[in-house]
Structures are given as structure tokens and as C-alpha cells.
C-alpha atoms as a PDB file:
ATOM      1  CA  MET A   1       0.000   0.000   0.000  1.00  0.00           C
ATOM      2  CA  THR A   2       1.399   3.428  -0.922  1.00  0.00           C
ATOM      3  CA  LYS A   3       0.648   6.633   0.880  1.00  0.00           C
ATOM      4  CA  THR A   4      -0.442   9.632  -1.162  1.00  0.00           C
ATOM      5  CA  ILE A   5       1.594  12.744  -0.404  1.00  0.00           C
ATOM      6  CA  ALA A   6       0.012  16.162  -0.881  1.00  0.00           C
ATOM      7  CA  ARG A   7       1.725  18.585  -3.222  1.00  0.00           C
ATOM      8  CA  ALA A   8       4.093  20.793  -1.213  1.00  0.00           C
ATOM      9  CA  HIS A   9       4.029  24.574  -1.426  1.00  0.00           C
ATOM     10  CA  TRP A  10       7.054  26.206  -3.109  1.00  0.00           C
ATOM     11  CA  SER A  11       8.165  27.569   0.251  1.00  0.00           C
ATOM     12  CA  PHE A  12       8.633  23.986   1.465  1.00  0.00           C
ATOM     13  CA  TRP A  13      11.474  23.518  -1.010  1.00  0.00           C
ATOM     14  CA  ALA A  14      13.086  26.826  -0.060  1.00  0.00           C
ATOM     15  CA  ILE A  15      12.974  25.979   3.647  1.00  0.00           C
ATOM     16  CA  ALA A  16      14.226  22.422   3.065  1.00  0.00           C
ATOM     17  CA  VAL A  17      17.198  23.725   1.043  1.00  0.00           C
ATOM     18  CA  PHE A  18      17.856  26.343   3.731  1.00  0.00           C
ATOM     19  CA  ALA A  19      17.823  23.618   6.422  1.00  0.00           C
ATOM     20  CA  LEU A  20      20.312  21.516   4.480  1.00  0.00           C
ATOM     21  CA  VAL A  21      22.642  24.436   3.667  1.00  0.00           C
ATOM     22  CA  TRP A  22      22.478  25.979   7.174  1.00  0.00           C
ATOM     23  CA  ASN A  23      23.296  22.701   8.867  1.00  0.00           C
ATOM     24  CA  GLY A  24      25.764  21.712   6.158  1.00  0.00           C
ATOM     25  CA  LEU A  25      27.716  24.884   6.893  1.00  0.00           C
ATOM     26  CA  GLY A  26      27.418  24.102  10.599  1.00  0.00           C
ATOM     27  CA  SER A  27      28.872  20.658   9.905  1.00  0.00           C
ATOM     28  CA  VAL A  28      31.815  22.242   8.083  1.00  0.00           C
ATOM     29  CA  ASN A  29      32.272  24.588  11.056  1.00  0.00           C
ATOM     30  CA  PHE A  30      32.267  21.582  13.404  1.00  0.00           C
ATOM     31  CA  ALA A  31      34.867  19.781  11.280  1.00  0.00           C
ATOM     32  CA  MET A  32      37.053  22.898  11.221  1.00  0.00           C
ATOM     33  CA  GLN A  33      36.851  23.194  15.015  1.00  0.00           C
ATOM     34  CA  MET A  34      38.130  19.619  15.337  1.00  0.00           C
ATOM     35  CA  ASN A  35      41.358  20.650  13.550  1.00  0.00           C
ATOM     36  CA  PRO A  36      43.850  22.165  16.041  1.00  0.00           C
ATOM     37  CA  ASP A  37      45.752  23.970  13.265  1.00  0.00           C
ATOM     38  CA  ILE A  38      42.624  25.839  12.206  1.00  0.00           C
ATOM     39  CA  VAL A  39      41.577  26.578  15.799  1.00  0.00           C
ATOM     40  CA  GLU A  40      45.008  28.109  16.418  1.00  0.00           C
ATOM     41  CA  ALA A  41      44.083  30.938  14.014  1.00  0.00           C
ATOM     42  CA  TYR A  42      40.901  31.823  15.960  1.00  0.00           C
ATOM     43  CA  ARG A  43      40.690  34.692  18.442  1.00  0.00           C
ATOM     44  CA  GLU A  44      41.526  33.919  22.067  1.00  0.00           C
ATOM     45  CA  SER A  45      37.871  34.186  23.154  1.00  0.00           C
ATOM     46  CA  GLU A  46      36.775  31.751  20.419  1.00  0.00           C
ATOM     47  CA  ARG A  47      39.566  29.301  21.257  1.00  0.00           C
ATOM     48  CA  ALA A  48      38.466  29.347  24.915  1.00  0.00           C
ATOM     49  CA  ILE A  49      35.068  27.998  23.888  1.00  0.00           C
ATOM     50  CA  ILE A  50      36.467  25.333  21.582  1.00  0.00           C
ATOM     51  CA  VAL A  51      39.475  24.113  23.546  1.00  0.00           C
ATOM     52  CA  GLY A  52      37.583  24.003  26.840  1.00  0.00           C
ATOM     53  CA  ARG A  53      34.519  22.307  25.374  1.00  0.00           C
ATOM     54  CA  PRO A  54      33.729  19.079  27.231  1.00  0.00           C
ATOM     55  CA  LEU A  55      33.022  15.887  25.286  1.00  0.00           C
ATOM     56  CA  TRP A  56      29.264  16.101  25.929  1.00  0.00           C
ATOM     57  CA  ALA A  57      29.128  19.607  24.419  1.00  0.00           C
ATOM     58  CA  SER A  58      31.197  18.538  21.397  1.00  0.00           C
ATOM     59  CA  ALA A  59      28.861  15.575  20.940  1.00  0.00           C
ATOM     60  CA  GLY A  60      25.911  17.961  21.191  1.00  0.00           C
ATOM     61  CA  PHE A  61      27.487  20.195  18.551  1.00  0.00           C
ATOM     62  CA  ALA A  62      27.989  17.201  16.233  1.00  0.00           C
ATOM     63  CA  VAL A  63      24.440  15.920  16.750  1.00  0.00           C
ATOM     64  CA  GLY A  64      23.076  19.441  16.331  1.00  0.00           C
ATOM     65  CA  VAL A  65      24.661  20.221  12.981  1.00  0.00           C
ATOM     66  CA  ILE A  66      25.095  16.787  11.411  1.00  0.00           C
ATOM     67  CA  GLY A  67      21.636  15.768  12.596  1.00  0.00           C
ATOM     68  CA  GLY A  68      20.265  19.022  11.236  1.00  0.00           C
ATOM     69  CA  ALA A  69      21.871  18.366   7.840  1.00  0.00           C
ATOM     70  CA  ILE A  70      20.406  14.848   7.773  1.00  0.00           C
ATOM     71  CA  GLY A  71      17.044  16.294   8.813  1.00  0.00           C
ATOM     72  CA  GLY A  72      17.291  18.788   5.957  1.00  0.00           C
ATOM     73  CA  LEU A  73      18.029  15.946   3.552  1.00  0.00           C
ATOM     74  CA  PHE A  74      15.037  13.980   4.880  1.00  0.00           C
ATOM     75  CA  LEU A  75      12.912  17.091   4.445  1.00  0.00           C
ATOM     76  CA  LEU A  76      14.044  17.417   0.821  1.00  0.00           C
ATOM     77  CA  LEU A  77      13.226  13.740   0.317  1.00  0.00           C
ATOM     78  CA  ARG A  78       9.844  14.389   1.981  1.00  0.00           C
ATOM     79  CA  LYS A  79      10.412  11.747   4.647  1.00  0.00           C
ATOM     80  CA  ALA A  80       8.663  11.885   8.023  1.00  0.00           C
ATOM     81  CA  LEU A  81      11.983  10.889   9.643  1.00  0.00           C
ATOM     82  CA  ALA A  82      12.877  14.579   9.356  1.00  0.00           C
ATOM     83  CA  LEU A  83      10.910  15.336  12.537  1.00  0.00           C
ATOM     84  CA  PRO A  84      12.687  13.004  14.999  1.00  0.00           C
ATOM     85  CA  VAL A  85      16.043  13.902  13.469  1.00  0.00           C
ATOM     86  CA  PHE A  86      15.330  17.624  13.865  1.00  0.00           C
ATOM     87  CA  ILE A  87      14.269  16.980  17.470  1.00  0.00           C
ATOM     88  CA  ALA A  88      17.609  15.247  18.125  1.00  0.00           C
ATOM     89  CA  SER A  89      19.350  18.165  16.418  1.00  0.00           C
ATOM     90  CA  LEU A  90      17.580  20.643  18.713  1.00  0.00           C
ATOM     91  CA  VAL A  91      18.653  18.656  21.777  1.00  0.00           C
ATOM     92  CA  GLY A  92      22.234  18.747  20.465  1.00  0.00           C
ATOM     93  CA  VAL A  93      22.067  22.495  19.891  1.00  0.00           C
ATOM     94  CA  LEU A  94      20.741  23.051  23.407  1.00  0.00           C
ATOM     95  CA  ALA A  95      23.526  20.928  24.907  1.00  0.00           C
ATOM     96  CA  THR A  96      26.108  22.957  23.022  1.00  0.00           C
ATOM     97  CA  MET A  97      24.524  26.216  24.111  1.00  0.00           C
ATOM     98  CA  ILE A  98      24.654  25.223  27.788  1.00  0.00           C
ATOM     99  CA  HIS A  99      28.438  25.064  27.575  1.00  0.00           C
ATOM    100  CA  THR A 100      28.804  28.083  25.290  1.00  0.00           C
ATOM    101  CA  ILE A 101      26.690  30.298  27.558  1.00  0.00           C
ATOM    102  CA  GLN A 102      28.901  29.394  30.509  1.00  0.00           C
ATOM    103  CA  VAL A 103      32.042  30.406  28.614  1.00  0.00           C
ATOM    104  CA  ALA A 104      30.955  33.145  26.219  1.00  0.00           C
ATOM    105  CA  ALA A 105      28.091  35.058  27.780  1.00  0.00           C
ATOM    106  CA  SER A 106      30.028  38.331  27.879  1.00  0.00           C
ATOM    107  CA  PRO A 107      28.997  41.007  25.366  1.00  0.00           C
ATOM    108  CA  ALA A 108      32.384  42.639  25.984  1.00  0.00           C
ATOM    109  CA  GLU A 109      34.190  39.765  24.248  1.00  0.00           C
ATOM    110  CA  PHE A 110      31.784  39.020  21.403  1.00  0.00           C
ATOM    111  CA  GLY A 111      29.429  41.989  21.152  1.00  0.00           C
ATOM    112  CA  TYR A 112      25.662  41.697  21.214  1.00  0.00           C
ATOM    113  CA  LEU A 113      25.431  40.746  17.536  1.00  0.00           C
ATOM    114  CA  GLY A 114      28.117  38.091  18.016  1.00  0.00           C
ATOM    115  CA  LEU A 115      26.262  36.614  20.969  1.00  0.00           C
ATOM    116  CA  PHE A 116      23.007  36.631  19.012  1.00  0.00           C
ATOM    117  CA  VAL A 117      24.604  34.828  16.057  1.00  0.00           C
ATOM    118  CA  MET A 118      26.469  32.387  18.288  1.00  0.00           C
ATOM    119  CA  LEU A 119      23.763  31.599  20.861  1.00  0.00           C
ATOM    120  CA  VAL A 120      20.276  32.723  19.900  1.00  0.00           C
ATOM    121  CA  LEU A 121      20.133  32.252  16.135  1.00  0.00           C
ATOM    122  CA  PRO A 122      21.141  28.549  16.043  1.00  0.00           C
ATOM    123  CA  THR A 123      18.627  27.789  18.791  1.00  0.00           C
ATOM    124  CA  LEU A 124      15.831  29.648  16.997  1.00  0.00           C
ATOM    125  CA  VAL A 125      16.618  27.923  13.686  1.00  0.00           C
ATOM    126  CA  ALA A 126      16.654  24.472  15.337  1.00  0.00           C
ATOM    127  CA  MET A 127      13.337  25.209  17.079  1.00  0.00           C
ATOM    128  CA  PHE A 128      11.818  26.471  13.825  1.00  0.00           C
ATOM    129  CA  LEU A 129      12.920  23.338  11.940  1.00  0.00           C
ATOM    130  CA  VAL A 130      11.281  21.076  14.542  1.00  0.00           C
ATOM    131  CA  TRP A 131       8.082  23.104  14.271  1.00  0.00           C
ATOM    132  CA  TYR A 132       8.243  23.150  10.473  1.00  0.00           C
ATOM    133  CA  ALA A 133       8.809  19.393  10.174  1.00  0.00           C
ATOM    134  CA  ARG A 134       5.796  18.836  12.442  1.00  0.00           C
ATOM    135  CA  TYR A 135       3.745  21.321  10.384  1.00  0.00           C
ATOM    136  CA  THR A 136       4.694  19.732   7.053  1.00  0.00           C
ATOM    137  CA  ALA A 137       3.914  16.249   8.377  1.00  0.00           C
ATOM    138  CA  HIS A 138       0.490  17.522   9.477  1.00  0.00           C
ATOM    139  CA  LYS A 139      -0.080  19.051   6.010  1.00  0.00           C
ATOM    140  CA  GLY A 140       0.618  15.653   4.441  1.00  0.00           C
ATOM    141  CA  TRP A 141       3.790  16.792   2.669  1.00  0.00           C
ATOM    142  CA  LEU A 142       5.918  14.074   4.276  1.00  0.00           C
ATOM    143  CA  ALA A 143       5.619  10.306   3.979  1.00  0.00           C
END
């Protein structure tokens, strides 16, 4: 038995591509932060976050961005697995943010825009993608 999938709105494709690109770039960022030679070129305040990051926060970072990229791929493929993968990604992002907030919560070091981009924006995007995957599943756009 096959399940009929409703035709997705054009915005679905734009958001799915955004999810894949956003998290793909996050995955590249994660890979770069695992290379000590690259980290050496970062500012002192950025190195403090990366070098002092405990294993659980690094694992959260990996799950957040790699899971988000896989979720974006599932969204593009219109698979309902996108939702649980995006939920796992959100949990990973939150774990990473717990550590990052402890180390980098000073506007003096990063500026308000830097803190927004580093702390708030990834969390909002991850939350939006969980909501959007749930919404698209409800609309019948995912199988």
C-alpha cells in the first residue's frame, strides 16, 4: 500500500534547502573546530570555547549540525523521519549552548550581535525546523 503525499508549497522547497545548507555549513564549522591547526588561528575568546569544550558539548554540537543536515536531507526527500532527526538536532544544539553560555556570555568579548549569532540564532533555527517538520507532516507533505 502506498501513501499519497500532498503537493508541497514552493516555500517547502526553499525551507528544506535552507535547512540543508544551514546545517551543512554548521557541519563544516564543526569539522574545522576539530582541527587544532585551524583553531590556532581563531581569536583567544573563540579558542576558549572550543578548547575548553567538554566531550558532551562537542557531541551535542555534532548531533546538532550533522543531525540538522540529515534532517534537511530527509525534508528534501519528503520523509517523516525529518521530525525526529530535527528533534535530536535541537537537543544537540541546546547541549552545546549550555556550555557556550557558561564560557561566552560576555557582550564585551563578542558583542551583542556576536552573541546573538552564536547563541540565539542557532537555537531559533533548530526550534523552527522542529516546528516546520511537524507542520509539514500535518499538512501531508511528508511520507
